[in-house]
Every structure is written in structure tokens, then in C-alpha cells.
Amino acid sequence: RKTPNEIALNILLAGLTLVFLVVVVALKPFADFAGTDV
């Protein structure tokens, strides 16, 4: 079973992944607005 520290690190990694996912998804409309196709 995952240890408490391992679980905490997994939560941190999942949080970072979610943040970057939101940022990348937001880049698409931003690029369209700037007239660049990504």
C-alpha cells in the first residue's frame, strides 16, 4: 500500500498535472485569438 508520504507526493503530482492541464487547454482559445493555429 502507498505510504503517507508517497500518497502526499502523488497528490502533489496530480495537482501539478491538473494545473498544467488547465493552462494548456486555455492556450488554444488564446492562440486562436492571437491568430496563431496551435
ModelCIF file with pLDDT and N, C-alpha, C, O atoms, coordinates in Angstrom:
data_MODEL
#
_entry.id   MODEL 
#
_entity.id                         1 
_entity.type                       polymer 
_entity.pdbx_number_of_molecules   1 
#
_entity_poly.entity_id                      1 
_entity_poly.type                           'polypeptide(L)' 
_entity_poly.nstd_linkage                   no 
_entity_poly.nstd_monomer                   no 
_entity_poly.pdbx_seq_one_letter_code       RKTPNEIALNILLAGLTLVFLVVVVALKPFADFAGTDV 
_entity_poly.pdbx_seq_one_letter_code_can   RKTPNEIALNILLAGLTLVFLVVVVALKPFADFAGTDV 
_entity_poly.pdbx_strand_id                 A 
#
loop_
_entity_poly_seq.entity_id 
_entity_poly_seq.num 
_entity_poly_seq.mon_id 
_entity_poly_seq.hetero 
1 1  ARG n 
1 2  LYS n 
1 3  THR n 
1 4  PRO n 
1 5  ASN n 
1 6  GLU n 
1 7  ILE n 
1 8  ALA n 
1 9  LEU n 
1 10 ASN n 
1 11 ILE n 
1 12 LEU n 
1 13 LEU n 
1 14 ALA n 
1 15 GLY n 
1 16 LEU n 
1 17 THR n 
1 18 LEU n 
1 19 VAL n 
1 20 PHE n 
1 21 LEU n 
1 22 VAL n 
1 23 VAL n 
1 24 VAL n 
1 25 VAL n 
1 26 ALA n 
1 27 LEU n 
1 28 LYS n 
1 29 PRO n 
1 30 PHE n 
1 31 ALA n 
1 32 ASP n 
1 33 PHE n 
1 34 ALA n 
1 35 GLY n 
1 36 THR n 
1 37 ASP n 
1 38 VAL n 
#
_struct_asym.id          A 
_struct_asym.entity_id   1 
#
loop_
_ma_qa_metric.id 
_ma_qa_metric.mode 
_ma_qa_metric.name 
_ma_qa_metric.software_group_id 
_ma_qa_metric.type 
1 global pLDDT . pLDDT 
2 local  pLDDT . pLDDT 
#
_ma_qa_metric_global.metric_id      1 
_ma_qa_metric_global.metric_value   77.82 
_ma_qa_metric_global.model_id       1 
_ma_qa_metric_global.ordinal_id     1 
#
loop_
_ma_qa_metric_local.label_asym_id 
_ma_qa_metric_local.label_comp_id 
_ma_qa_metric_local.label_seq_id 
_ma_qa_metric_local.metric_id 
_ma_qa_metric_local.metric_value 
_ma_qa_metric_local.model_id 
_ma_qa_metric_local.ordinal_id 
A ARG 1  2 59.00 1 1  
A LYS 2  2 66.00 1 2  
A THR 3  2 68.00 1 3  
A PRO 4  2 72.00 1 4  
A ASN 5  2 76.00 1 5  
A GLU 6  2 78.00 1 6  
A ILE 7  2 81.00 1 7  
A ALA 8  2 84.00 1 8  
A LEU 9  2 85.00 1 9  
A ASN 10 2 85.00 1 10 
A ILE 11 2 89.00 1 11 
A LEU 12 2 88.00 1 12 
A LEU 13 2 89.00 1 13 
A ALA 14 2 89.00 1 14 
A GLY 15 2 90.00 1 15 
A LEU 16 2 88.00 1 16 
A THR 17 2 89.00 1 17 
A LEU 18 2 91.00 1 18 
A VAL 19 2 89.00 1 19 
A PHE 20 2 87.00 1 20 
A LEU 21 2 89.00 1 21 
A VAL 22 2 89.00 1 22 
A VAL 23 2 83.00 1 23 
A VAL 24 2 83.00 1 24 
A VAL 25 2 83.00 1 25 
A ALA 26 2 82.00 1 26 
A LEU 27 2 75.00 1 27 
A LYS 28 2 73.00 1 28 
A PRO 29 2 77.00 1 29 
A PHE 30 2 68.00 1 30 
A ALA 31 2 64.00 1 31 
A ASP 32 2 67.00 1 32 
A PHE 33 2 64.00 1 33 
A ALA 34 2 56.00 1 34 
A GLY 35 2 60.00 1 35 
A THR 36 2 63.00 1 36 
A ASP 37 2 66.00 1 37 
A VAL 38 2 72.00 1 38 
#
loop_
_atom_site.group_PDB 
_atom_site.id 
_atom_site.type_symbol 
_atom_site.label_atom_id 
_atom_site.label_alt_id 
_atom_site.label_comp_id 
_atom_site.label_asym_id 
_atom_site.label_entity_id 
_atom_site.label_seq_id 
_atom_site.pdbx_PDB_ins_code 
_atom_site.Cartn_x 
_atom_site.Cartn_y 
_atom_site.Cartn_z 
_atom_site.occupancy 
_atom_site.B_iso_or_equiv 
_atom_site.pdbx_formal_charge 
_atom_site.auth_seq_id 
_atom_site.auth_comp_id 
_atom_site.auth_asym_id 
_atom_site.auth_atom_id 
_atom_site.pdbx_PDB_model_num 
ATOM 1   N N  . ARG A 1 1  ? 0.847  -1.184 0.000   1.00 59.00 ? 1  ARG A N  1 
ATOM 2   C CA . ARG A 1 1  ? 0.000  0.000  0.000   1.00 59.00 ? 1  ARG A CA 1 
ATOM 3   C C  . ARG A 1 1  ? 0.888  1.240  0.000   1.00 59.00 ? 1  ARG A C  1 
ATOM 4   O O  . ARG A 1 1  ? 1.981  1.249  0.565   1.00 59.00 ? 1  ARG A O  1 
ATOM 5   N N  . LYS A 1 2  ? 0.389  2.270  -0.642  1.00 66.00 ? 2  LYS A N  1 
ATOM 6   C CA . LYS A 1 2  ? 1.174  3.501  -0.692  1.00 66.00 ? 2  LYS A CA 1 
ATOM 7   C C  . LYS A 1 2  ? 1.311  4.088  0.707   1.00 66.00 ? 2  LYS A C  1 
ATOM 8   O O  . LYS A 1 2  ? 0.373  4.082  1.505   1.00 66.00 ? 2  LYS A O  1 
ATOM 9   N N  . THR A 1 3  ? 2.510  4.595  0.976   1.00 68.00 ? 3  THR A N  1 
ATOM 10  C CA . THR A 1 3  ? 2.783  5.182  2.275   1.00 68.00 ? 3  THR A CA 1 
ATOM 11  C C  . THR A 1 3  ? 2.223  6.599  2.327   1.00 68.00 ? 3  THR A C  1 
ATOM 12  O O  . THR A 1 3  ? 1.919  7.172  1.281   1.00 68.00 ? 3  THR A O  1 
ATOM 13  N N  . PRO A 1 4  ? 2.076  7.184  3.532   1.00 72.00 ? 4  PRO A N  1 
ATOM 14  C CA . PRO A 1 4  ? 1.553  8.556  3.634   1.00 72.00 ? 4  PRO A CA 1 
ATOM 15  C C  . PRO A 1 4  ? 2.345  9.564  2.813   1.00 72.00 ? 4  PRO A C  1 
ATOM 16  O O  . PRO A 1 4  ? 1.757  10.402 2.129   1.00 72.00 ? 4  PRO A O  1 
ATOM 17  N N  . ASN A 1 5  ? 3.690  9.492  2.871   1.00 76.00 ? 5  ASN A N  1 
ATOM 18  C CA . ASN A 1 5  ? 4.498  10.428 2.088   1.00 76.00 ? 5  ASN A CA 1 
ATOM 19  C C  . ASN A 1 5  ? 4.323  10.204 0.593   1.00 76.00 ? 5  ASN A C  1 
ATOM 20  O O  . ASN A 1 5  ? 4.302  11.153 -0.190  1.00 76.00 ? 5  ASN A O  1 
ATOM 21  N N  . GLU A 1 6  ? 4.197  8.931  0.204   1.00 78.00 ? 6  GLU A N  1 
ATOM 22  C CA . GLU A 1 6  ? 4.004  8.603  -1.206  1.00 78.00 ? 6  GLU A CA 1 
ATOM 23  C C  . GLU A 1 6  ? 2.648  9.114  -1.681  1.00 78.00 ? 6  GLU A C  1 
ATOM 24  O O  . GLU A 1 6  ? 2.528  9.629  -2.793  1.00 78.00 ? 6  GLU A O  1 
ATOM 25  N N  . ILE A 1 7  ? 1.628  8.972  -0.836  1.00 81.00 ? 7  ILE A N  1 
ATOM 26  C CA . ILE A 1 7  ? 0.294  9.475  -1.180  1.00 81.00 ? 7  ILE A CA 1 
ATOM 27  C C  . ILE A 1 7  ? 0.329  10.987 -1.316  1.00 81.00 ? 7  ILE A C  1 
ATOM 28  O O  . ILE A 1 7  ? -0.248 11.552 -2.245  1.00 81.00 ? 7  ILE A O  1 
ATOM 29  N N  . ALA A 1 8  ? 1.022  11.648 -0.367  1.00 84.00 ? 8  ALA A N  1 
ATOM 30  C CA . ALA A 1 8  ? 1.117  13.111 -0.419  1.00 84.00 ? 8  ALA A CA 1 
ATOM 31  C C  . ALA A 1 8  ? 1.817  13.565 -1.700  1.00 84.00 ? 8  ALA A C  1 
ATOM 32  O O  . ALA A 1 8  ? 1.391  14.527 -2.338  1.00 84.00 ? 8  ALA A O  1 
ATOM 33  N N  . LEU A 1 9  ? 2.903  12.860 -2.077  1.00 85.00 ? 9  LEU A N  1 
ATOM 34  C CA . LEU A 1 9  ? 3.614  13.218 -3.305  1.00 85.00 ? 9  LEU A CA 1 
ATOM 35  C C  . LEU A 1 9  ? 2.747  12.956 -4.534  1.00 85.00 ? 9  LEU A C  1 
ATOM 36  O O  . LEU A 1 9  ? 2.781  13.725 -5.494  1.00 85.00 ? 9  LEU A O  1 
ATOM 37  N N  . ASN A 1 10 ? 1.978  11.879 -4.506  1.00 85.00 ? 10 ASN A N  1 
ATOM 38  C CA . ASN A 1 10 ? 1.057  11.597 -5.613  1.00 85.00 ? 10 ASN A CA 1 
ATOM 39  C C  . ASN A 1 10 ? 0.016  12.694 -5.760  1.00 85.00 ? 10 ASN A C  1 
ATOM 40  O O  . ASN A 1 10 ? -0.324 13.094 -6.873  1.00 85.00 ? 10 ASN A O  1 
ATOM 41  N N  . ILE A 1 11 ? -0.490 13.182 -4.623  1.00 89.00 ? 11 ILE A N  1 
ATOM 42  C CA . ILE A 1 11 ? -1.479 14.275 -4.653  1.00 89.00 ? 11 ILE A CA 1 
ATOM 43  C C  . ILE A 1 11 ? -0.849 15.529 -5.240  1.00 89.00 ? 11 ILE A C  1 
ATOM 44  O O  . ILE A 1 11 ? -1.468 16.231 -6.040  1.00 89.00 ? 11 ILE A O  1 
ATOM 45  N N  . LEU A 1 12 ? 0.407  15.809 -4.830  1.00 88.00 ? 12 LEU A N  1 
ATOM 46  C CA . LEU A 1 12 ? 1.106  16.977 -5.371  1.00 88.00 ? 12 LEU A CA 1 
ATOM 47  C C  . LEU A 1 12 ? 1.290  16.844 -6.877  1.00 88.00 ? 12 LEU A C  1 
ATOM 48  O O  . LEU A 1 12 ? 1.040  17.795 -7.618  1.00 88.00 ? 12 LEU A O  1 
ATOM 49  N N  . LEU A 1 13 ? 1.725  15.668 -7.337  1.00 89.00 ? 13 LEU A N  1 
ATOM 50  C CA . LEU A 1 13 ? 1.931  15.451 -8.772  1.00 89.00 ? 13 LEU A CA 1 
ATOM 51  C C  . LEU A 1 13 ? 0.612  15.572 -9.536  1.00 89.00 ? 13 LEU A C  1 
ATOM 52  O O  . LEU A 1 13 ? 0.562  16.141 -10.626 1.00 89.00 ? 13 LEU A O  1 
ATOM 53  N N  . ALA A 1 14 ? -0.458 15.026 -8.942  1.00 89.00 ? 14 ALA A N  1 
ATOM 54  C CA . ALA A 1 14 ? -1.772 15.131 -9.587  1.00 89.00 ? 14 ALA A CA 1 
ATOM 55  C C  . ALA A 1 14 ? -2.221 16.587 -9.659  1.00 89.00 ? 14 ALA A C  1 
ATOM 56  O O  . ALA A 1 14 ? -2.807 17.017 -10.653 1.00 89.00 ? 14 ALA A O  1 
ATOM 57  N N  . GLY A 1 15 ? -1.938 17.347 -8.584  1.00 90.00 ? 15 GLY A N  1 
ATOM 58  C CA . GLY A 1 15 ? -2.296 18.767 -8.579  1.00 90.00 ? 15 GLY A CA 1 
ATOM 59  C C  . GLY A 1 15 ? -1.549 19.551 -9.643  1.00 90.00 ? 15 GLY A C  1 
ATOM 60  O O  . GLY A 1 15 ? -2.137 20.374 -10.345 1.00 90.00 ? 15 GLY A O  1 
ATOM 61  N N  . LEU A 1 16 ? -0.232 19.292 -9.763  1.00 88.00 ? 16 LEU A N  1 
ATOM 62  C CA . LEU A 1 16 ? 0.553  19.961 -10.801 1.00 88.00 ? 16 LEU A CA 1 
ATOM 63  C C  . LEU A 1 16 ? 0.050  19.592 -12.195 1.00 88.00 ? 16 LEU A C  1 
ATOM 64  O O  . LEU A 1 16 ? -0.025 20.439 -13.085 1.00 88.00 ? 16 LEU A O  1 
ATOM 65  N N  . THR A 1 17 ? -0.293 18.323 -12.368 1.00 89.00 ? 17 THR A N  1 
ATOM 66  C CA . THR A 1 17 ? -0.803 17.874 -13.669 1.00 89.00 ? 17 THR A CA 1 
ATOM 67  C C  . THR A 1 17 ? -2.106 18.587 -14.010 1.00 89.00 ? 17 THR A C  1 
ATOM 68  O O  . THR A 1 17 ? -2.315 19.003 -15.149 1.00 89.00 ? 17 THR A O  1 
ATOM 69  N N  . LEU A 1 18 ? -2.976 18.724 -13.018 1.00 91.00 ? 18 LEU A N  1 
ATOM 70  C CA . LEU A 1 18 ? -4.259 19.407 -13.244 1.00 91.00 ? 18 LEU A CA 1 
ATOM 71  C C  . LEU A 1 18 ? -4.039 20.874 -13.596 1.00 91.00 ? 18 LEU A C  1 
ATOM 72  O O  . LEU A 1 18 ? -4.695 21.406 -14.492 1.00 91.00 ? 18 LEU A O  1 
ATOM 73  N N  . VAL A 1 19 ? -3.110 21.531 -12.888 1.00 89.00 ? 19 VAL A N  1 
ATOM 74  C CA . VAL A 1 19 ? -2.826 22.948 -13.166 1.00 89.00 ? 19 VAL A CA 1 
ATOM 75  C C  . VAL A 1 19 ? -2.323 23.119 -14.596 1.00 89.00 ? 19 VAL A C  1 
ATOM 76  O O  . VAL A 1 19 ? -2.802 23.987 -15.326 1.00 89.00 ? 19 VAL A O  1 
ATOM 77  N N  . PHE A 1 20 ? -1.351 22.285 -14.999 1.00 87.00 ? 20 PHE A N  1 
ATOM 78  C CA . PHE A 1 20 ? -0.800 22.397 -16.353 1.00 87.00 ? 20 PHE A CA 1 
ATOM 79  C C  . PHE A 1 20 ? -1.841 22.015 -17.410 1.00 87.00 ? 20 PHE A C  1 
ATOM 80  O O  . PHE A 1 20 ? -1.823 22.548 -18.520 1.00 87.00 ? 20 PHE A O  1 
ATOM 81  N N  . LEU A 1 21 ? -2.743 21.098 -17.068 1.00 89.00 ? 21 LEU A N  1 
ATOM 82  C CA . LEU A 1 21 ? -3.807 20.732 -17.996 1.00 89.00 ? 21 LEU A CA 1 
ATOM 83  C C  . LEU A 1 21 ? -4.715 21.924 -18.265 1.00 89.00 ? 21 LEU A C  1 
ATOM 84  O O  . LEU A 1 21 ? -5.082 22.189 -19.409 1.00 89.00 ? 21 LEU A O  1 
ATOM 85  N N  . VAL A 1 22 ? -5.075 22.641 -17.202 1.00 89.00 ? 22 VAL A N  1 
ATOM 86  C CA . VAL A 1 22 ? -5.918 23.830 -17.354 1.00 89.00 ? 22 VAL A CA 1 
ATOM 87  C C  . VAL A 1 22 ? -5.195 24.891 -18.181 1.00 89.00 ? 22 VAL A C  1 
ATOM 88  O O  . VAL A 1 22 ? -5.792 25.528 -19.049 1.00 89.00 ? 22 VAL A O  1 
ATOM 89  N N  . VAL A 1 23 ? -3.896 25.076 -17.902 1.00 83.00 ? 23 VAL A N  1 
ATOM 90  C CA . VAL A 1 23 ? -3.116 26.085 -18.628 1.00 83.00 ? 23 VAL A CA 1 
ATOM 91  C C  . VAL A 1 23 ? -3.053 25.755 -20.115 1.00 83.00 ? 23 VAL A C  1 
ATOM 92  O O  . VAL A 1 23 ? -3.247 26.631 -20.958 1.00 83.00 ? 23 VAL A O  1 
ATOM 93  N N  . VAL A 1 24 ? -2.779 24.481 -20.439 1.00 83.00 ? 24 VAL A N  1 
ATOM 94  C CA . VAL A 1 24 ? -2.647 24.079 -21.846 1.00 83.00 ? 24 VAL A CA 1 
ATOM 95  C C  . VAL A 1 24 ? -3.979 24.187 -22.570 1.00 83.00 ? 24 VAL A C  1 
ATOM 96  O O  . VAL A 1 24 ? -4.033 24.636 -23.715 1.00 83.00 ? 24 VAL A O  1 
ATOM 97  N N  . VAL A 1 25 ? -5.060 23.776 -21.902 1.00 83.00 ? 25 VAL A N  1 
ATOM 98  C CA . VAL A 1 25 ? -6.388 23.889 -22.529 1.00 83.00 ? 25 VAL A CA 1 
ATOM 99  C C  . VAL A 1 25 ? -6.715 25.351 -22.807 1.00 83.00 ? 25 VAL A C  1 
ATOM 100 O O  . VAL A 1 25 ? -7.308 25.679 -23.835 1.00 83.00 ? 25 VAL A O  1 
ATOM 101 N N  . ALA A 1 26 ? -6.323 26.227 -21.880 1.00 82.00 ? 26 ALA A N  1 
ATOM 102 C CA . ALA A 1 26 ? -6.600 27.658 -22.059 1.00 82.00 ? 26 ALA A CA 1 
ATOM 103 C C  . ALA A 1 26 ? -5.769 28.269 -23.180 1.00 82.00 ? 26 ALA A C  1 
ATOM 104 O O  . ALA A 1 26 ? -6.131 29.325 -23.699 1.00 82.00 ? 26 ALA A O  1 
ATOM 105 N N  . LEU A 1 27 ? -4.661 27.631 -23.568 1.00 75.00 ? 27 LEU A N  1 
ATOM 106 C CA . LEU A 1 27 ? -3.806 28.183 -24.619 1.00 75.00 ? 27 LEU A CA 1 
ATOM 107 C C  . LEU A 1 27 ? -4.479 28.142 -25.994 1.00 75.00 ? 27 LEU A C  1 
ATOM 108 O O  . LEU A 1 27 ? -4.204 28.983 -26.850 1.00 75.00 ? 27 LEU A O  1 
ATOM 109 N N  . LYS A 1 28 ? -5.356 27.164 -26.200 1.00 73.00 ? 28 LYS A N  1 
ATOM 110 C CA . LYS A 1 28 ? -5.986 27.025 -27.513 1.00 73.00 ? 28 LYS A CA 1 
ATOM 111 C C  . LYS A 1 28 ? -6.805 28.260 -27.894 1.00 73.00 ? 28 LYS A C  1 
ATOM 112 O O  . LYS A 1 28 ? -6.557 28.833 -28.955 1.00 73.00 ? 28 LYS A O  1 
ATOM 113 N N  . PRO A 1 29 ? -7.774 28.698 -27.071 1.00 77.00 ? 29 PRO A N  1 
ATOM 114 C CA . PRO A 1 29 ? -8.509 29.916 -27.442 1.00 77.00 ? 29 PRO A CA 1 
ATOM 115 C C  . PRO A 1 29 ? -7.620 31.153 -27.472 1.00 77.00 ? 29 PRO A C  1 
ATOM 116 O O  . PRO A 1 29 ? -7.848 32.077 -28.252 1.00 77.00 ? 29 PRO A O  1 
ATOM 117 N N  . PHE A 1 30 ? -6.586 31.156 -26.596 1.00 68.00 ? 30 PHE A N  1 
ATOM 118 C CA . PHE A 1 30 ? -5.675 32.292 -26.589 1.00 68.00 ? 30 PHE A CA 1 
ATOM 119 C C  . PHE A 1 30 ? -4.907 32.370 -27.912 1.00 68.00 ? 30 PHE A C  1 
ATOM 120 O O  . PHE A 1 30 ? -4.728 33.453 -28.469 1.00 68.00 ? 30 PHE A O  1 
ATOM 121 N N  . ALA A 1 31 ? -4.451 31.204 -28.412 1.00 64.00 ? 31 ALA A N  1 
ATOM 122 C CA . ALA A 1 31 ? -3.728 31.179 -29.682 1.00 64.00 ? 31 ALA A CA 1 
ATOM 123 C C  . ALA A 1 31 ? -4.641 31.557 -30.838 1.00 64.00 ? 31 ALA A C  1 
ATOM 124 O O  . ALA A 1 31 ? -4.223 32.258 -31.760 1.00 64.00 ? 31 ALA A O  1 
ATOM 125 N N  . ASP A 1 32 ? -5.906 31.087 -30.791 1.00 67.00 ? 32 ASP A N  1 
ATOM 126 C CA . ASP A 1 32 ? -6.864 31.445 -31.840 1.00 67.00 ? 32 ASP A CA 1 
ATOM 127 C C  . ASP A 1 32 ? -7.099 32.950 -31.860 1.00 67.00 ? 32 ASP A C  1 
ATOM 128 O O  . ASP A 1 32 ? -7.205 33.560 -32.924 1.00 67.00 ? 32 ASP A O  1 
ATOM 129 N N  . PHE A 1 33 ? -7.179 33.538 -30.669 1.00 64.00 ? 33 PHE A N  1 
ATOM 130 C CA . PHE A 1 33 ? -7.391 34.986 -30.580 1.00 64.00 ? 33 PHE A CA 1 
ATOM 131 C C  . PHE A 1 33 ? -6.196 35.743 -31.149 1.00 64.00 ? 33 PHE A C  1 
ATOM 132 O O  . PHE A 1 33 ? -6.349 36.803 -31.755 1.00 64.00 ? 33 PHE A O  1 
ATOM 133 N N  . ALA A 1 34 ? -4.983 35.174 -30.943 1.00 56.00 ? 34 ALA A N  1 
ATOM 134 C CA . ALA A 1 34 ? -3.771 35.833 -31.447 1.00 56.00 ? 34 ALA A CA 1 
ATOM 135 C C  . ALA A 1 34 ? -3.546 35.569 -32.924 1.00 56.00 ? 34 ALA A C  1 
ATOM 136 O O  . ALA A 1 34 ? -2.593 36.076 -33.515 1.00 56.00 ? 34 ALA A O  1 
ATOM 137 N N  . GLY A 1 35 ? -4.425 34.776 -33.516 1.00 60.00 ? 35 GLY A N  1 
ATOM 138 C CA . GLY A 1 35 ? -4.304 34.493 -34.938 1.00 60.00 ? 35 GLY A CA 1 
ATOM 139 C C  . GLY A 1 35 ? -3.279 33.429 -35.258 1.00 60.00 ? 35 GLY A C  1 
ATOM 140 O O  . GLY A 1 35 ? -2.805 33.342 -36.390 1.00 60.00 ? 35 GLY A O  1 
ATOM 141 N N  . THR A 1 36 ? -2.928 32.608 -34.263 1.00 63.00 ? 36 THR A N  1 
ATOM 142 C CA . THR A 1 36 ? -1.956 31.534 -34.468 1.00 63.00 ? 36 THR A CA 1 
ATOM 143 C C  . THR A 1 36 ? -2.651 30.200 -34.276 1.00 63.00 ? 36 THR A C  1 
ATOM 144 O O  . THR A 1 36 ? -3.399 30.008 -33.318 1.00 63.00 ? 36 THR A O  1 
ATOM 145 N N  . ASP A 1 37 ? -2.401 29.297 -35.182 1.00 66.00 ? 37 ASP A N  1 
ATOM 146 C CA . ASP A 1 37 ? -3.031 27.979 -35.099 1.00 66.00 ? 37 ASP A CA 1 
ATOM 147 C C  . ASP A 1 37 ? -2.066 27.012 -34.416 1.00 66.00 ? 37 ASP A C  1 
ATOM 148 O O  . ASP A 1 37 ? -1.021 26.667 -34.969 1.00 66.00 ? 37 ASP A O  1 
ATOM 149 N N  . VAL A 1 38 ? -2.429 26.579 -33.205 1.00 72.00 ? 38 VAL A N  1 
ATOM 150 C CA . VAL A 1 38 ? -1.637 25.592 -32.471 1.00 72.00 ? 38 VAL A CA 1 
ATOM 151 C C  . VAL A 1 38 ? -2.400 24.283 -32.521 1.00 72.00 ? 38 VAL A C  1 
ATOM 152 O O  . VAL A 1 38 ? -1.943 23.280 -31.972 1.00 72.00 ? 38 VAL A O  1 
#
